[in-house]
Amino acid sequence: MSDLSNSVIFPRGGKLPEAVGKNFTGQAYLEMLAEGGGEFNCPIGNVTFEPGCRNNWHRHPGGQILLVTGGRGWYKEEGKPARELRPGDVVKIPPDVKHWHGAARDSWFVHLSIETNSSRGPAQWLEPVTDSEYDRLDREK
């Protein structure tokens, strides 16, 4: 198992605040690299997931881009097969598409999360990814 507990390129940051952390199974960390609002209105966060950690199903009204910088993880869009993610992968998520992402069971996972068109509103958090949904991923590859 690769140990990316100190992240890869950008600082790991702190544990997610409770308001966001409640939408994750397992432990993740966040270092905001660019805040929302102001001149750019494009929040960018370095998100580090411990092995097995994943977020709940959710949607971004303005869309999202993920830039994978370390480890191995998963991206799953509702109604589509899961996609295994590795460093260098880019995921472009259109507005309002239901999805989740997180670490593989045996690897830390790090990505930059870019909220596009963030003026359309914050993420809409939905139900957790069940253990059975998550456990199927390695068998689907």
N, C-alpha and C. Protein backbone atom coordinates (compact mmCIF):
# COMPACT_ATOMS: atom_id res chain seq x y z
N MET A 1 0.85 -1.17 0.00
CA MET A 1 0.00 0.00 0.00
C MET A 1 0.89 1.23 0.00
N SER A 2 0.64 2.13 -0.95
CA SER A 2 1.44 3.35 -0.97
C SER A 2 0.96 4.29 0.13
N ASP A 3 1.90 4.91 0.84
CA ASP A 3 1.58 5.82 1.93
C ASP A 3 1.67 7.25 1.43
N LEU A 4 0.53 7.84 1.21
CA LEU A 4 0.48 9.23 0.76
C LEU A 4 -0.10 10.10 1.87
N SER A 5 0.10 9.70 3.12
CA SER A 5 -0.48 10.41 4.24
C SER A 5 -0.02 11.86 4.32
N ASN A 6 1.12 12.18 3.72
CA ASN A 6 1.57 13.57 3.69
C ASN A 6 1.27 14.22 2.35
N SER A 7 0.36 13.61 1.59
CA SER A 7 -0.05 14.07 0.26
C SER A 7 1.09 13.90 -0.71
N VAL A 8 1.06 14.58 -1.84
CA VAL A 8 2.05 14.37 -2.88
C VAL A 8 2.73 15.67 -3.26
N ILE A 9 1.96 16.63 -3.73
CA ILE A 9 2.50 17.89 -4.22
C ILE A 9 2.14 19.04 -3.28
N PHE A 10 0.87 19.14 -2.94
CA PHE A 10 0.36 20.21 -2.10
C PHE A 10 0.20 19.70 -0.67
N PRO A 11 0.10 20.59 0.30
CA PRO A 11 -0.09 20.14 1.69
C PRO A 11 -1.36 19.30 1.84
N ARG A 12 -1.29 18.33 2.74
CA ARG A 12 -2.44 17.45 2.99
C ARG A 12 -3.60 18.23 3.58
N GLY A 13 -3.32 19.19 4.42
CA GLY A 13 -4.39 19.93 5.07
C GLY A 13 -4.90 19.21 6.30
N GLY A 14 -5.99 19.71 6.83
CA GLY A 14 -6.58 19.14 8.04
C GLY A 14 -7.74 18.23 7.73
N LYS A 15 -8.19 17.54 8.78
CA LYS A 15 -9.37 16.69 8.64
C LYS A 15 -10.54 17.57 8.18
N LEU A 16 -11.43 16.99 7.42
CA LEU A 16 -12.58 17.73 6.92
C LEU A 16 -13.40 18.28 8.09
N PRO A 17 -13.92 19.49 7.95
CA PRO A 17 -14.83 20.00 8.98
C PRO A 17 -16.05 19.09 9.08
N GLU A 18 -16.64 18.99 10.24
CA GLU A 18 -17.77 18.10 10.48
C GLU A 18 -18.89 18.31 9.46
N ALA A 19 -19.16 19.55 9.08
CA ALA A 19 -20.24 19.84 8.14
C ALA A 19 -20.04 19.13 6.80
N VAL A 20 -18.80 18.93 6.39
CA VAL A 20 -18.50 18.23 5.14
C VAL A 20 -18.15 16.77 5.43
N GLY A 21 -17.40 16.52 6.49
CA GLY A 21 -16.95 15.18 6.83
C GLY A 21 -18.08 14.18 7.04
N LYS A 22 -19.25 14.67 7.43
CA LYS A 22 -20.38 13.75 7.62
C LYS A 22 -20.85 13.14 6.31
N ASN A 23 -20.38 13.68 5.19
CA ASN A 23 -20.73 13.17 3.86
C ASN A 23 -19.67 12.22 3.31
N PHE A 24 -18.81 11.72 4.17
CA PHE A 24 -17.75 10.79 3.78
C PHE A 24 -17.80 9.55 4.64
N THR A 25 -17.44 8.41 4.07
CA THR A 25 -17.22 7.17 4.81
C THR A 25 -15.71 7.04 4.91
N GLY A 26 -15.17 7.09 6.12
CA GLY A 26 -13.73 7.09 6.31
C GLY A 26 -13.20 8.50 6.48
N GLN A 27 -11.88 8.62 6.52
CA GLN A 27 -11.24 9.90 6.81
C GLN A 27 -10.63 10.53 5.56
N ALA A 28 -10.93 11.80 5.35
CA ALA A 28 -10.33 12.58 4.26
C ALA A 28 -9.81 13.89 4.84
N TYR A 29 -8.91 14.53 4.11
CA TYR A 29 -8.26 15.77 4.53
C TYR A 29 -8.40 16.79 3.40
N LEU A 30 -8.41 18.07 3.76
CA LEU A 30 -8.60 19.11 2.77
C LEU A 30 -7.65 20.28 3.01
N GLU A 31 -7.00 20.70 1.93
CA GLU A 31 -6.20 21.93 1.92
C GLU A 31 -6.76 22.78 0.77
N MET A 32 -7.41 23.88 1.12
CA MET A 32 -7.94 24.77 0.08
C MET A 32 -6.78 25.53 -0.55
N LEU A 33 -6.67 25.45 -1.87
CA LEU A 33 -5.61 26.13 -2.61
C LEU A 33 -6.11 27.45 -3.18
N ALA A 34 -7.39 27.54 -3.46
CA ALA A 34 -8.03 28.77 -3.90
C ALA A 34 -9.45 28.76 -3.35
N GLU A 35 -9.81 29.80 -2.66
CA GLU A 35 -11.15 29.89 -2.07
C GLU A 35 -12.17 30.31 -3.13
N GLY A 36 -13.43 30.04 -2.84
CA GLY A 36 -14.50 30.48 -3.73
C GLY A 36 -14.76 31.96 -3.55
N GLY A 37 -15.56 32.51 -4.42
CA GLY A 37 -15.89 33.92 -4.33
C GLY A 37 -14.76 34.80 -4.83
N GLY A 38 -14.95 36.09 -4.67
CA GLY A 38 -13.90 37.02 -5.06
C GLY A 38 -13.67 37.06 -6.55
N GLU A 39 -12.47 37.42 -6.90
CA GLU A 39 -12.10 37.64 -8.30
C GLU A 39 -12.23 36.40 -9.18
N PHE A 40 -11.87 35.23 -8.65
CA PHE A 40 -11.84 34.03 -9.48
C PHE A 40 -13.08 33.16 -9.35
N ASN A 41 -13.70 33.10 -8.18
CA ASN A 41 -14.91 32.31 -7.95
C ASN A 41 -14.76 30.87 -8.47
N CYS A 42 -13.61 30.27 -8.15
CA CYS A 42 -13.32 28.92 -8.62
C CYS A 42 -12.58 28.18 -7.50
N PRO A 43 -13.31 27.62 -6.51
CA PRO A 43 -12.65 26.92 -5.42
C PRO A 43 -11.85 25.72 -5.90
N ILE A 44 -10.61 25.60 -5.40
CA ILE A 44 -9.76 24.46 -5.71
C ILE A 44 -9.23 23.91 -4.39
N GLY A 45 -9.47 22.62 -4.16
CA GLY A 45 -9.01 21.99 -2.94
C GLY A 45 -8.18 20.76 -3.23
N ASN A 46 -7.14 20.57 -2.44
CA ASN A 46 -6.36 19.33 -2.48
C ASN A 46 -7.03 18.38 -1.48
N VAL A 47 -7.57 17.28 -1.98
CA VAL A 47 -8.29 16.34 -1.13
C VAL A 47 -7.48 15.04 -1.04
N THR A 48 -7.21 14.62 0.19
CA THR A 48 -6.45 13.39 0.44
C THR A 48 -7.36 12.41 1.17
N PHE A 49 -7.54 11.22 0.60
CA PHE A 49 -8.40 10.18 1.17
C PHE A 49 -7.53 9.08 1.76
N GLU A 50 -7.83 8.65 2.97
CA GLU A 50 -7.19 7.45 3.52
C GLU A 50 -7.72 6.24 2.75
N PRO A 51 -7.00 5.12 2.79
CA PRO A 51 -7.48 3.91 2.10
C PRO A 51 -8.92 3.58 2.49
N GLY A 52 -9.73 3.28 1.49
CA GLY A 52 -11.12 2.91 1.72
C GLY A 52 -12.08 4.07 1.89
N CYS A 53 -11.59 5.28 2.00
CA CYS A 53 -12.45 6.45 2.19
C CYS A 53 -13.12 6.85 0.88
N ARG A 54 -14.38 7.21 0.97
CA ARG A 54 -15.10 7.71 -0.21
C ARG A 54 -16.15 8.71 0.25
N ASN A 55 -16.57 9.57 -0.68
CA ASN A 55 -17.63 10.51 -0.32
C ASN A 55 -18.98 9.93 -0.72
N ASN A 56 -20.04 10.56 -0.22
CA ASN A 56 -21.40 10.16 -0.58
C ASN A 56 -21.67 10.50 -2.03
N TRP A 57 -22.72 9.93 -2.55
CA TRP A 57 -23.24 10.38 -3.83
C TRP A 57 -23.52 11.87 -3.69
N HIS A 58 -23.26 12.63 -4.75
CA HIS A 58 -23.53 14.07 -4.72
C HIS A 58 -23.59 14.64 -6.13
N ARG A 59 -23.99 15.90 -6.20
CA ARG A 59 -24.06 16.64 -7.47
C ARG A 59 -23.45 18.02 -7.25
N HIS A 60 -22.87 18.57 -8.29
CA HIS A 60 -22.40 19.96 -8.28
C HIS A 60 -23.22 20.72 -9.31
N PRO A 61 -24.00 21.73 -8.91
CA PRO A 61 -24.82 22.47 -9.87
C PRO A 61 -23.99 23.09 -11.01
N GLY A 62 -22.74 23.43 -10.74
CA GLY A 62 -21.89 24.02 -11.77
C GLY A 62 -20.87 23.07 -12.37
N GLY A 63 -20.86 21.82 -11.94
CA GLY A 63 -19.90 20.85 -12.43
C GLY A 63 -18.63 20.81 -11.58
N GLN A 64 -17.75 19.90 -11.92
CA GLN A 64 -16.51 19.69 -11.17
C GLN A 64 -15.47 19.05 -12.08
N ILE A 65 -14.21 19.35 -11.79
CA ILE A 65 -13.09 18.69 -12.46
C ILE A 65 -12.20 18.11 -11.38
N LEU A 66 -11.78 16.86 -11.56
CA LEU A 66 -10.84 16.21 -10.65
C LEU A 66 -9.53 15.98 -11.39
N LEU A 67 -8.42 16.37 -10.78
CA LEU A 67 -7.08 16.13 -11.31
C LEU A 67 -6.38 15.21 -10.32
N VAL A 68 -6.14 13.97 -10.71
CA VAL A 68 -5.56 12.98 -9.80
C VAL A 68 -4.05 13.18 -9.71
N THR A 69 -3.55 13.33 -8.48
CA THR A 69 -2.12 13.56 -8.28
C THR A 69 -1.41 12.43 -7.55
N GLY A 70 -2.16 11.51 -6.93
CA GLY A 70 -1.47 10.43 -6.23
C GLY A 70 -2.39 9.28 -5.85
N GLY A 71 -1.80 8.10 -5.74
CA GLY A 71 -2.52 6.93 -5.27
C GLY A 71 -3.43 6.32 -6.31
N ARG A 72 -4.41 5.56 -5.81
CA ARG A 72 -5.37 4.88 -6.68
C ARG A 72 -6.75 5.07 -6.08
N GLY A 73 -7.70 5.40 -6.93
CA GLY A 73 -9.05 5.62 -6.43
C GLY A 73 -10.09 5.26 -7.47
N TRP A 74 -11.31 5.69 -7.19
CA TRP A 74 -12.46 5.38 -8.04
C TRP A 74 -13.31 6.62 -8.28
N TYR A 75 -13.93 6.64 -9.45
CA TYR A 75 -14.97 7.61 -9.78
C TYR A 75 -16.14 6.81 -10.31
N LYS A 76 -17.33 7.11 -9.80
CA LYS A 76 -18.53 6.39 -10.25
C LYS A 76 -19.63 7.40 -10.50
N GLU A 77 -20.16 7.34 -11.70
CA GLU A 77 -21.27 8.18 -12.12
C GLU A 77 -22.52 7.29 -12.13
N GLU A 78 -23.62 7.82 -11.70
CA GLU A 78 -24.85 7.03 -11.65
C GLU A 78 -25.17 6.44 -13.03
N GLY A 79 -25.43 5.13 -13.04
CA GLY A 79 -25.82 4.45 -14.27
C GLY A 79 -24.68 4.06 -15.19
N LYS A 80 -23.43 4.33 -14.78
CA LYS A 80 -22.28 4.00 -15.62
C LYS A 80 -21.30 3.15 -14.82
N PRO A 81 -20.42 2.40 -15.52
CA PRO A 81 -19.42 1.60 -14.80
C PRO A 81 -18.45 2.51 -14.04
N ALA A 82 -17.92 2.00 -12.96
CA ALA A 82 -16.91 2.74 -12.18
C ALA A 82 -15.64 2.88 -13.00
N ARG A 83 -14.93 3.94 -12.76
CA ARG A 83 -13.66 4.21 -13.45
C ARG A 83 -12.53 4.22 -12.42
N GLU A 84 -11.54 3.38 -12.62
CA GLU A 84 -10.37 3.38 -11.74
C GLU A 84 -9.52 4.61 -12.07
N LEU A 85 -9.03 5.29 -11.04
CA LEU A 85 -8.25 6.51 -11.23
C LEU A 85 -6.84 6.36 -10.70
N ARG A 86 -5.89 6.92 -11.47
CA ARG A 86 -4.47 6.90 -11.12
C ARG A 86 -3.88 8.28 -11.41
N PRO A 87 -2.68 8.57 -10.89
CA PRO A 87 -2.07 9.88 -11.12
C PRO A 87 -2.05 10.25 -12.60
N GLY A 88 -2.42 11.49 -12.87
CA GLY A 88 -2.47 12.00 -14.24
C GLY A 88 -3.86 11.93 -14.86
N ASP A 89 -4.78 11.19 -14.25
CA ASP A 89 -6.14 11.12 -14.78
C ASP A 89 -6.89 12.42 -14.52
N VAL A 90 -7.75 12.77 -15.46
CA VAL A 90 -8.61 13.95 -15.36
C VAL A 90 -10.05 13.48 -15.50
N VAL A 91 -10.91 13.94 -14.60
CA VAL A 91 -12.33 13.61 -14.68
C VAL A 91 -13.09 14.92 -14.81
N LYS A 92 -13.86 15.05 -15.89
CA LYS A 92 -14.69 16.24 -16.12
C LYS A 92 -16.13 15.84 -15.86
N ILE A 93 -16.72 16.42 -14.82
CA ILE A 93 -18.06 16.05 -14.38
C ILE A 93 -19.02 17.18 -14.73
N PRO A 94 -19.94 16.95 -15.65
CA PRO A 94 -20.89 18.00 -16.04
C PRO A 94 -21.79 18.42 -14.86
N PRO A 95 -22.39 19.60 -14.97
CA PRO A 95 -23.31 20.05 -13.93
C PRO A 95 -24.41 19.04 -13.64
N ASP A 96 -24.73 18.92 -12.35
CA ASP A 96 -25.87 18.12 -11.86
C ASP A 96 -25.78 16.62 -12.12
N VAL A 97 -24.61 16.10 -12.44
CA VAL A 97 -24.45 14.65 -12.64
C VAL A 97 -24.20 14.00 -11.27
N LYS A 98 -25.01 13.02 -10.93
CA LYS A 98 -24.87 12.31 -9.66
C LYS A 98 -23.66 11.39 -9.73
N HIS A 99 -22.75 11.51 -8.72
CA HIS A 99 -21.50 10.75 -8.75
C HIS A 99 -20.91 10.66 -7.34
N TRP A 100 -19.85 9.87 -7.23
CA TRP A 100 -19.02 9.84 -6.02
C TRP A 100 -17.60 9.51 -6.44
N HIS A 101 -16.65 9.76 -5.52
CA HIS A 101 -15.24 9.41 -5.77
C HIS A 101 -14.56 9.16 -4.45
N GLY A 102 -13.47 8.39 -4.50
CA GLY A 102 -12.74 8.09 -3.27
C GLY A 102 -11.61 7.12 -3.53
N ALA A 103 -10.97 6.73 -2.44
CA ALA A 103 -9.78 5.88 -2.50
C ALA A 103 -10.14 4.42 -2.73
N ALA A 104 -9.20 3.69 -3.31
CA ALA A 104 -9.30 2.24 -3.36
C ALA A 104 -9.10 1.71 -1.94
N ARG A 105 -9.54 0.51 -1.71
CA ARG A 105 -9.45 -0.07 -0.36
C ARG A 105 -8.00 -0.17 0.13
N ASP A 106 -7.05 -0.35 -0.82
CA ASP A 106 -5.65 -0.62 -0.44
C ASP A 106 -4.71 0.54 -0.77
N SER A 107 -5.24 1.75 -0.98
CA SER A 107 -4.36 2.85 -1.37
C SER A 107 -4.89 4.19 -0.87
N TRP A 108 -3.96 5.06 -0.48
CA TRP A 108 -4.31 6.46 -0.30
C TRP A 108 -4.67 6.99 -1.68
N PHE A 109 -5.37 8.11 -1.72
CA PHE A 109 -5.79 8.70 -2.98
C PHE A 109 -5.81 10.22 -2.82
N VAL A 110 -5.21 10.93 -3.78
CA VAL A 110 -5.14 12.39 -3.71
C VAL A 110 -5.57 12.98 -5.04
N HIS A 111 -6.46 13.97 -4.97
CA HIS A 111 -6.85 14.70 -6.18
C HIS A 111 -7.09 16.16 -5.87
N LEU A 112 -6.96 16.98 -6.89
CA LEU A 112 -7.40 18.37 -6.82
C LEU A 112 -8.86 18.38 -7.24
N SER A 113 -9.68 19.06 -6.47
CA SER A 113 -11.09 19.22 -6.78
C SER A 113 -11.31 20.66 -7.20
N ILE A 114 -11.77 20.85 -8.42
CA ILE A 114 -12.04 22.18 -8.95
C ILE A 114 -13.54 22.30 -9.16
N GLU A 115 -14.15 23.23 -8.46
CA GLU A 115 -15.58 23.46 -8.62
C GLU A 115 -15.78 24.49 -9.72
N THR A 116 -16.33 24.05 -10.83
CA THR A 116 -16.55 24.96 -11.96
C THR A 116 -17.90 25.65 -11.80
N ASN A 117 -18.00 26.85 -12.32
CA ASN A 117 -19.24 27.61 -12.26
C ASN A 117 -19.84 27.62 -10.86
N SER A 118 -18.99 27.84 -9.85
CA SER A 118 -19.42 27.70 -8.46
C SER A 118 -20.52 28.68 -8.06
N SER A 119 -20.73 29.72 -8.84
CA SER A 119 -21.80 30.67 -8.53
C SER A 119 -23.18 30.02 -8.65
N ARG A 120 -23.25 28.84 -9.28
CA ARG A 120 -24.53 28.13 -9.40
C ARG A 120 -24.94 27.45 -8.09
N GLY A 121 -24.04 27.39 -7.13
CA GLY A 121 -24.40 26.83 -5.83
C GLY A 121 -23.48 25.73 -5.38
N PRO A 122 -23.57 25.39 -4.09
CA PRO A 122 -22.69 24.37 -3.50
C PRO A 122 -23.12 22.95 -3.88
N ALA A 123 -22.25 22.01 -3.57
CA ALA A 123 -22.56 20.59 -3.80
C ALA A 123 -23.84 20.21 -3.07
N GLN A 124 -24.59 19.33 -3.68
CA GLN A 124 -25.80 18.79 -3.07
C GLN A 124 -25.48 17.36 -2.65
N TRP A 125 -25.36 17.14 -1.35
CA TRP A 125 -24.96 15.84 -0.82
C TRP A 125 -26.16 14.93 -0.72
N LEU A 126 -25.94 13.67 -1.12
CA LEU A 126 -27.01 12.68 -1.17
C LEU A 126 -26.66 11.48 -0.28
N GLU A 127 -27.18 10.32 -0.59
CA GLU A 127 -27.02 9.13 0.25
C GLU A 127 -25.59 8.58 0.20
N PRO A 128 -25.18 7.88 1.26
CA PRO A 128 -23.85 7.25 1.27
C PRO A 128 -23.74 6.14 0.23
N VAL A 129 -22.53 5.88 -0.20
CA VAL A 129 -22.23 4.73 -1.05
C VAL A 129 -22.24 3.51 -0.11
N THR A 130 -23.03 2.52 -0.42
CA THR A 130 -23.12 1.37 0.48
C THR A 130 -21.84 0.53 0.40
N ASP A 131 -21.60 -0.24 1.45
CA ASP A 131 -20.44 -1.13 1.45
C ASP A 131 -20.52 -2.12 0.29
N SER A 132 -21.73 -2.62 -0.02
CA SER A 132 -21.84 -3.59 -1.12
C SER A 132 -21.54 -2.93 -2.47
N GLU A 133 -21.96 -1.68 -2.68
CA GLU A 133 -21.61 -0.96 -3.92
C GLU A 133 -20.10 -0.81 -4.02
N TYR A 134 -19.49 -0.41 -2.92
CA TYR A 134 -18.05 -0.17 -2.90
C TYR A 134 -17.26 -1.47 -3.07
N ASP A 135 -17.70 -2.53 -2.41
CA ASP A 135 -16.99 -3.81 -2.47
C ASP A 135 -17.01 -4.43 -3.87
N ARG A 136 -17.99 -4.08 -4.69
CA ARG A 136 -18.10 -4.62 -6.06
C ARG A 136 -17.05 -4.04 -7.00
N LEU A 137 -16.46 -2.89 -6.67
CA LEU A 137 -15.60 -2.17 -7.61
C LEU A 137 -14.44 -3.00 -8.14
N ASP A 138 -13.69 -3.64 -7.25
CA ASP A 138 -12.53 -4.41 -7.70
C ASP A 138 -12.94 -5.59 -8.57
N ARG A 139 -14.13 -6.12 -8.37
CA ARG A 139 -14.61 -7.25 -9.18
C ARG A 139 -15.05 -6.78 -10.57
N GLU A 140 -15.43 -5.49 -10.71
CA GLU A 140 -15.92 -4.97 -11.99
C GLU A 140 -14.79 -4.62 -12.96
N LYS A 141 -13.54 -4.48 -12.46
CA LYS A 141 -12.44 -4.03 -13.32
C LYS A 141 -12.19 -5.02 -14.44
